[in-house]
């Protein structure tokens, strides 16, 4: 990657007390949220919680998605405040909908598509969109995003829902802990988004390593409708962040900033379409 690309700081480098302040500034029932999160992490108890943000959003959060809610509500890991004029978005790896809801807090007129395959998580995605009366603004696709659209693709269920991912059968099939899901290709998904709006202002991708496969398999012309992309890139054997950057830059997407790989091996990358 180009060494001149700005390195941005995110919440990962912050002290615990600073993270608590972020929570207190963004969540009305932040003390309860932190206490239940600690109980879920350090005891056998597994408690759900209703999170109330200070901007009026309600998020029903199961015990196994506590981190996804905390990250998007309090920490703004995708730097949504850096954007303006977002009217359409694509949330790939939507989990319980925390990113979509955080975006809609900032851009209430936006519409989008949220994609999530895990049945135990997608029920909360539907519930949270309905609870905030934005289910008419966000279309939910219950599928995983993969190299091609297919049925009965293997999907690994992690104890923390934000770590679940599609299983690449070429790398070996696990003996347990997976289910079969339907998948949709990124190319098909972008075409669907184009039919709705003609352009996608922001695409967010967080799919626990599968991003390498889907971007390698997506034709460069499919990215022409995308104005901005933010992606969490996970370390995968025999894959590199540099290769992903090259593919996207060849498709007309310029890398504008990234997080520091020395702080976390999961690197956030921000791209914008070159004028």
Foldseek 3Di string as FASTA:
>chain_A
DDPPFAADDFCLPPDPVVLLVLQVQWWPPSVVLVVQLCCLVPHPDWDWDWTATPLGATATGGSLASVVQSCLRRTVRQPLVVDPDFAEEEAALCFLNSNVVSNCSVVVNHAYEYEAADPVRVVNNCVRCVVVVNCVRYHYDHAHEALAWDWFFKKACDSRRLQIATDDCVVPDDPDRIGITTYHAPLVVLVVRCVVPVAGAEYEERHNARVQRRLVNHDLQSCPRYFKYKYFHADDPPDDPVVSQVSNVVSQWHWRYKHDCVSPVGMITMTGGDD
